[in-house]
Amino acid sequence: MSDKSKGTDAYLEYLDREMTIMGILSTFSVALAALVIERIASAQTLTVLQMVWDKSAIYLLVGSASALVGAALFYKQRSLLAWY
């Protein structure tokens, strides 16, 4: 095996690992946003989660939207890595 082939194989292995990591981070970000909204927005009346939703819904929505933006950016980075 030539040195050039070894370098190419190492680079392809690196890209594969990085794409896997970006996929995991993207999935985590979407799951985080979905879990926060689902759990807190659907809380029963007169519970701690309902009080949290009543007092700070805007912050939770902005945080969830930020997590979704992060997921989109991770996905974009992953697609750029796949292109290379």
Protein backbone atom coordinates (compact mmCIF):
# COMPACT_ATOMS: atom_id res chain seq x y z
CA MET A 1 0.00 0.00 0.00
CA SER A 2 1.39 3.39 -0.97
CA ASP A 3 1.80 6.36 1.35
CA LYS A 4 -0.80 8.29 -0.63
CA SER A 5 -3.34 5.49 -0.20
CA LYS A 6 -2.67 5.34 3.55
CA GLY A 7 -3.20 9.08 3.84
CA THR A 8 -6.43 8.90 1.85
CA ASP A 9 -7.74 6.02 3.95
CA ALA A 10 -6.93 7.88 7.17
CA TYR A 11 -8.68 11.01 5.88
CA LEU A 12 -11.77 9.04 4.83
CA GLU A 13 -11.88 7.38 8.25
CA TYR A 14 -11.63 10.81 9.89
CA LEU A 15 -14.49 12.15 7.73
CA ASP A 16 -16.63 9.14 8.60
CA ARG A 17 -16.04 9.67 12.31
CA GLU A 18 -16.78 13.38 12.09
CA MET A 19 -19.98 12.77 10.12
CA THR A 20 -21.12 10.29 12.76
CA ILE A 21 -20.46 12.82 15.52
CA MET A 22 -22.33 15.57 13.65
CA GLY A 23 -25.28 13.19 13.15
CA ILE A 24 -25.39 12.37 16.85
CA LEU A 25 -25.20 16.05 17.84
CA SER A 26 -27.93 16.98 15.36
CA THR A 27 -30.21 14.22 16.65
CA PHE A 28 -29.54 15.19 20.26
CA SER A 29 -30.40 18.84 19.59
CA VAL A 30 -33.73 17.96 17.96
CA ALA A 31 -34.57 15.49 20.74
CA LEU A 32 -33.73 18.10 23.38
CA ALA A 33 -36.05 20.68 21.87
CA ALA A 34 -38.86 18.15 21.41
CA LEU A 35 -38.54 16.79 24.94
CA VAL A 36 -38.59 20.21 26.59
CA ILE A 37 -41.63 21.38 24.67
CA GLU A 38 -43.52 18.10 25.01
CA ARG A 39 -42.92 17.63 28.73
CA ILE A 40 -43.45 21.17 29.91
CA ALA A 41 -46.18 22.31 27.52
CA SER A 42 -48.31 19.24 28.22
CA ALA A 43 -47.91 19.30 32.01
CA GLN A 44 -50.99 18.86 34.17
CA THR A 45 -52.57 21.86 35.85
CA LEU A 46 -51.20 22.93 39.24
CA THR A 47 -47.89 21.09 38.92
CA VAL A 48 -44.37 22.46 39.08
CA LEU A 49 -43.90 21.98 35.34
CA GLN A 50 -47.08 23.92 34.63
CA MET A 51 -45.86 26.79 36.82
CA VAL A 52 -42.52 26.76 34.99
CA TRP A 53 -44.37 26.94 31.66
CA ASP A 54 -46.59 29.79 32.89
CA LYS A 55 -43.71 31.87 34.23
CA SER A 56 -41.05 31.28 31.57
CA ALA A 57 -42.66 29.95 28.39
CA ILE A 58 -40.86 32.47 26.18
CA TYR A 59 -37.45 31.42 27.52
CA LEU A 60 -38.23 27.75 26.99
CA LEU A 61 -39.42 28.43 23.44
CA VAL A 62 -36.35 30.52 22.62
CA GLY A 63 -34.09 27.84 24.09
CA SER A 64 -35.83 25.13 22.09
CA ALA A 65 -35.63 27.21 18.93
CA SER A 66 -31.91 27.72 19.59
CA ALA A 67 -31.46 23.96 19.93
CA LEU A 68 -33.21 23.50 16.57
CA VAL A 69 -30.94 26.11 14.97
CA GLY A 70 -27.98 24.23 16.43
CA ALA A 71 -29.31 21.00 14.94
CA ALA A 72 -29.60 22.66 11.54
CA LEU A 73 -26.03 23.94 11.76
CA PHE A 74 -24.72 20.51 12.78
CA TYR A 75 -26.60 19.00 9.83
CA LYS A 76 -25.17 21.63 7.46
CA GLN A 77 -21.65 20.88 8.69
CA ARG A 78 -22.28 17.18 8.24
CA SER A 79 -23.46 17.67 4.67
CA LEU A 80 -20.38 19.78 3.91
CA LEU A 81 -18.16 17.01 5.28
CA ALA A 82 -20.01 14.48 3.12
CA TRP A 83 -19.43 16.68 0.09
CA TYR A 84 -15.68 16.68 0.69
